[in-house]
């Protein structure tokens, strides 16, 4: 069964108009959001942050040409896929030499969910390829608006994307 972004996001895992000084600070804050939303046990936050930062150091998930990053890791601290989304005009954080990353979707999934993890990342990447979808997410004024947009896009996969 395919896990959709709309299945794992909620109002308390969507951060709008917040930015951080660098990738590591952003990862720490977004993982804290997952813990605050009871998606991840608080005591596992340091390990999740470490894994995500190590993964990004090995190979960045930033797609600077479209201003999107999808930090992800398979993490024994969860039995499912958990995700949080952050979006900010001008950048959630600056990548490399000041290139703004305006949308971040941070993903953790159980090591047992290899196929689901890969399918989720592929669907997420496809969703964020649309310039209109990205602009709507970055311009959203509420988490509810982001969630409705994502759900609409996922329902309309057979239709041409916005």
Protein backbone atom coordinates (compact mmCIF):
# COMPACT_ATOMS: atom_id res chain seq x y z
CA UNK A 1 0.00 0.00 0.00
CA UNK A 2 1.32 3.41 -0.94
CA UNK A 3 1.70 5.88 1.90
CA UNK A 4 0.84 9.41 0.80
CA UNK A 5 2.13 12.67 2.22
CA UNK A 6 -1.44 13.56 3.19
CA UNK A 7 -1.53 10.34 5.27
CA UNK A 8 1.39 11.40 7.47
CA UNK A 9 1.17 15.18 7.72
CA UNK A 10 -1.11 17.01 10.11
CA UNK A 11 -1.67 20.59 11.21
CA UNK A 12 0.97 20.17 13.92
CA UNK A 13 3.63 18.86 11.51
CA UNK A 14 3.43 21.73 9.00
CA UNK A 15 5.62 24.74 9.76
CA UNK A 16 5.09 27.94 7.79
CA UNK A 17 7.14 31.13 7.57
CA UNK A 18 9.91 29.87 9.84
CA UNK A 19 13.56 29.85 8.88
CA UNK A 20 16.74 28.61 10.50
CA UNK A 21 20.42 29.39 10.35
CA UNK A 22 21.68 26.38 8.47
CA UNK A 23 20.74 22.82 7.71
CA UNK A 24 21.58 21.28 11.09
CA UNK A 25 19.53 23.86 13.02
CA UNK A 26 16.60 23.32 10.67
CA UNK A 27 16.78 19.53 11.03
CA UNK A 28 16.88 19.83 14.83
CA UNK A 29 13.85 22.13 14.92
CA UNK A 30 11.78 20.05 12.51
CA UNK A 31 12.56 16.79 14.35
CA UNK A 32 11.54 18.57 17.58
CA UNK A 33 8.24 19.34 15.84
CA UNK A 34 7.74 15.62 15.19
CA UNK A 35 8.34 14.90 18.88
CA UNK A 36 5.99 17.69 19.99
CA UNK A 37 3.32 16.20 17.71
CA UNK A 38 3.82 12.75 19.30
CA UNK A 39 5.14 11.27 16.05
CA UNK A 40 8.51 10.47 17.61
CA UNK A 41 9.47 9.77 21.24
CA UNK A 42 11.27 12.78 22.73
CA UNK A 43 14.21 10.62 23.88
CA UNK A 44 14.90 9.58 20.27
CA UNK A 45 15.22 13.14 18.93
CA UNK A 46 19.05 13.33 19.25
CA UNK A 47 19.53 10.04 17.37
CA UNK A 48 17.09 11.03 14.63
CA UNK A 49 18.84 14.41 14.21
CA UNK A 50 22.24 12.69 14.09
CA UNK A 51 21.11 10.22 11.41
CA UNK A 52 19.53 12.92 9.26
CA UNK A 53 22.54 15.23 9.52
CA UNK A 54 24.92 12.37 8.69
CA UNK A 55 22.78 11.42 5.68
CA UNK A 56 22.79 15.01 4.43
CA UNK A 57 26.57 15.26 4.92
CA UNK A 58 27.09 12.15 2.77
CA UNK A 59 24.75 13.28 0.01
CA UNK A 60 22.56 16.36 0.14
CA UNK A 61 18.90 15.95 -0.73
CA UNK A 62 18.63 19.62 -1.69
CA UNK A 63 17.33 20.24 -5.19
CA UNK A 64 18.57 23.82 -5.34
CA UNK A 65 17.21 24.44 -8.83
CA UNK A 66 13.65 24.12 -7.46
CA UNK A 67 14.29 25.18 -3.84
CA UNK A 68 13.30 21.86 -2.27
CA UNK A 69 15.02 19.51 0.16
CA UNK A 70 13.84 16.11 1.39
CA UNK A 71 16.11 15.03 4.27
CA UNK A 72 15.29 11.42 5.00
CA UNK A 73 16.56 8.40 6.89
CA UNK A 74 15.42 4.95 7.83
CA UNK A 75 15.20 5.03 11.61
CA UNK A 76 14.66 2.18 14.07
CA UNK A 77 12.85 4.59 16.41
CA UNK A 78 9.66 4.44 14.36
CA UNK A 79 7.48 1.63 13.04
CA UNK A 80 5.93 3.77 10.29
CA UNK A 81 6.65 6.71 8.03
CA UNK A 82 6.63 10.07 9.80
CA UNK A 83 7.13 13.42 8.10
CA UNK A 84 7.03 17.15 8.68
CA UNK A 85 6.92 19.95 6.13
CA UNK A 86 8.42 23.42 6.48
CA UNK A 87 7.91 26.19 3.92
CA UNK A 88 9.05 29.79 3.91
CA UNK A 89 9.33 32.43 1.18
CA UNK A 90 13.00 33.33 0.92
CA UNK A 91 14.09 30.04 2.44
CA UNK A 92 13.57 27.65 5.31
CA UNK A 93 17.39 27.61 5.27
CA UNK A 94 20.15 28.63 2.88
CA UNK A 95 22.01 25.88 1.08
CA UNK A 96 25.64 26.17 0.06
CA UNK A 97 26.43 29.68 -1.02
CA UNK A 98 23.17 31.29 0.09
CA UNK A 99 20.79 29.40 -2.19
CA UNK A 100 17.31 29.43 -0.60
CA UNK A 101 15.52 26.16 0.09
CA UNK A 102 11.88 27.20 0.42
CA UNK A 103 10.31 23.79 1.03
CA UNK A 104 11.64 21.02 3.25
CA UNK A 105 9.91 17.71 3.82
CA UNK A 106 11.73 15.73 6.49
CA UNK A 107 11.02 11.99 6.45
CA UNK A 108 11.82 9.19 8.87
CA UNK A 109 10.70 5.63 8.30
CA UNK A 110 11.12 2.20 9.78
CA UNK A 111 14.03 0.17 8.34
CA UNK A 112 11.48 -2.59 7.67
CA UNK A 113 9.59 -0.32 5.27
CA UNK A 114 12.13 -0.18 2.43
CA UNK A 115 9.59 -0.33 -0.42
CA UNK A 116 7.18 2.05 1.28
CA UNK A 117 10.03 4.46 2.06
CA UNK A 118 11.21 4.53 -1.57
CA UNK A 119 7.66 4.80 -2.92
CA UNK A 120 6.89 7.65 -0.52
CA UNK A 121 10.02 9.56 -1.55
CA UNK A 122 9.27 9.04 -5.25
CA UNK A 123 5.68 10.27 -4.89
CA UNK A 124 6.83 13.22 -2.79
CA UNK A 125 9.45 14.18 -5.36
CA UNK A 126 6.87 13.95 -8.15
CA UNK A 127 4.43 16.11 -6.19
CA UNK A 128 7.05 18.82 -5.67
CA UNK A 129 8.13 18.95 -9.32
CA UNK A 130 5.20 21.25 -10.12
CA UNK A 131 6.20 24.90 -9.91
CA UNK A 132 2.58 25.89 -9.23
CA UNK A 133 2.29 23.38 -6.39
CA UNK A 134 5.53 24.63 -4.83
CA UNK A 135 4.40 28.26 -5.14
CA UNK A 136 1.06 27.43 -3.51
CA UNK A 137 2.78 25.65 -0.60
CA UNK A 138 5.25 28.49 -0.04
CA UNK A 139 2.47 31.08 -0.29
CA UNK A 140 0.09 29.24 2.03
CA UNK A 141 -1.07 31.11 5.11
CA UNK A 142 -2.08 28.11 7.22
CA UNK A 143 -1.17 24.46 7.70
CA UNK A 144 -4.76 23.59 6.79
CA UNK A 145 -4.30 25.27 3.42
CA UNK A 146 -1.12 23.23 2.77
CA UNK A 147 -2.83 19.99 3.78
CA UNK A 148 -5.83 20.68 1.53
CA UNK A 149 -3.56 21.50 -1.42
CA UNK A 150 -1.51 18.32 -0.98
CA UNK A 151 -4.61 16.14 -0.60
CA UNK A 152 -6.11 17.69 -3.74
CA UNK A 153 -2.93 17.11 -5.72
CA UNK A 154 -2.70 13.49 -4.56
CA UNK A 155 -6.35 12.82 -5.45
CA UNK A 156 -5.82 14.33 -8.88
CA UNK A 157 -2.72 12.34 -9.87
CA UNK A 158 -4.52 11.16 -13.00
CA UNK A 159 -5.14 14.78 -13.96
CA UNK A 160 -2.27 17.02 -15.08
CA UNK A 161 -0.53 18.60 -12.05
CA UNK A 162 -1.03 22.26 -11.24
